[in-house]
Each structure stands twice: as C-alpha cells, then as structure tokens.
Amino acid sequence: MPDVVAYPDTKEQVEQIVAYCQQEKIPVYVYGGGSSVTRGVECMKGGISLDMRLRFDKVIEFNEKIRQSRCRQA
C-alpha cells in the first residue's frame, strides 16, 4: 500500500515528484490504468503512487508491438 497517492496535473509536477523521490530515496509507482490483476504496480515498500488516469488522458502515440503509449494532460 502506498503512503501517498498523487494525481499530477502537469508534466512538470511529475518531474518534480520524481526528482524529490529520487533525492529522498522514496519508491515511486506509476499507474496509468488497467486491472492490476498481475499486481505489477503494487507498492511493496510504501512510497508514492502516481495515478495518471485523471488528467493524462490524451493519447498522442501508441506502439502496439511493445504495448506502450505516450499521453499528455487533457
């Protein structure tokens, strides 16, 4: 379970959160959607969960081969 769940509004906020967590050695988990049935984003050691679903909902690029998408804030 995460210690904090953050819903960043901008790319800059994401960068600031990640930089702070790196400096303080806080685990960061990014959740962009899905069922989590495989428990791939489970916060095993606390930390911060970045939930990108609310504001980063505009897909600008999708690579079906490697199952990766690039999104931006609405």
Protein backbone atom coordinates (compact mmCIF):
# COMPACT_ATOMS: atom_id res chain seq x y z
CA MET A 1 0.00 0.00 0.00
CA PRO A 2 1.39 3.45 -0.90
CA ASP A 3 1.99 6.10 1.71
CA VAL A 4 0.69 8.77 -0.69
CA VAL A 5 -1.29 8.79 -3.93
CA ALA A 6 -0.64 11.80 -6.15
CA TYR A 7 -2.66 12.96 -9.14
CA PRO A 8 -0.26 15.25 -11.02
CA ASP A 9 -1.71 17.93 -13.31
CA THR A 10 1.32 18.60 -15.49
CA LYS A 11 4.48 17.04 -16.82
CA GLU A 12 6.43 19.47 -14.61
CA GLN A 13 4.67 18.19 -11.50
CA VAL A 14 5.59 14.63 -12.44
CA GLU A 15 9.22 15.69 -12.89
CA GLN A 16 9.26 17.46 -9.50
CA ILE A 17 7.72 14.50 -7.68
CA VAL A 18 10.12 12.02 -9.26
CA ALA A 19 13.15 14.25 -8.56
CA TYR A 20 12.13 14.64 -4.91
CA CYS A 21 11.57 10.91 -4.52
CA GLN A 22 14.92 10.14 -6.10
CA GLN A 23 16.67 12.60 -3.77
CA GLU A 24 14.93 11.19 -0.68
CA LYS A 25 15.10 7.56 -1.89
CA ILE A 26 11.32 7.17 -1.84
CA PRO A 27 9.86 4.45 -4.08
CA VAL A 28 7.65 5.73 -6.93
CA TYR A 29 5.00 3.65 -8.66
CA VAL A 30 3.20 4.90 -11.77
CA TYR A 31 -0.33 3.76 -12.52
CA GLY A 32 -1.84 4.59 -15.86
CA GLY A 33 -4.78 2.22 -15.96
CA GLY A 34 -5.65 -1.42 -16.18
CA SER A 35 -6.98 -4.05 -13.83
CA SER A 36 -3.74 -4.62 -11.86
CA VAL A 37 -4.69 -8.28 -11.79
CA THR A 38 -0.99 -9.15 -12.15
CA ARG A 39 -0.13 -6.80 -9.26
CA GLY A 40 2.51 -5.11 -11.40
CA VAL A 41 2.17 -1.70 -9.74
CA GLU A 42 1.66 -2.84 -6.17
CA CYS A 43 3.56 -0.64 -3.73
CA MET A 44 5.59 -3.25 -1.87
CA LYS A 45 7.61 -0.81 0.28
CA GLY A 46 5.27 2.13 0.73
CA GLY A 47 6.21 5.21 -1.23
CA ILE A 48 4.28 7.36 -3.67
CA SER A 49 1.83 6.14 -6.29
CA LEU A 50 1.41 8.48 -9.26
CA ASP A 51 -2.09 7.93 -10.63
CA MET A 52 -2.05 9.27 -14.17
CA ARG A 53 -5.62 8.31 -15.13
CA LEU A 54 -7.41 11.51 -14.14
CA ARG A 55 -5.50 14.15 -16.05
CA PHE A 56 -3.18 12.43 -18.53
CA ASP A 57 -5.89 11.08 -20.79
CA LYS A 58 -4.90 12.26 -24.26
CA VAL A 59 -3.02 9.53 -26.13
CA ILE A 60 -0.53 11.07 -28.56
CA GLU A 61 1.35 7.93 -29.56
CA PHE A 62 0.71 4.20 -29.26
CA ASN A 63 3.13 1.37 -30.03
CA GLU A 64 1.15 -1.86 -30.24
CA LYS A 65 4.27 -4.02 -30.66
CA ILE A 66 5.75 -3.13 -27.27
CA ARG A 67 2.41 -2.12 -25.69
CA GLN A 68 3.49 1.38 -24.81
CA SER A 69 1.62 4.64 -25.11
CA ARG A 70 2.60 8.28 -24.69
CA CYS A 71 -0.02 10.55 -23.18
CA ARG A 72 -0.39 14.19 -22.25
CA GLN A 73 -2.65 16.07 -19.91
CA ALA A 74 -6.08 16.99 -21.19
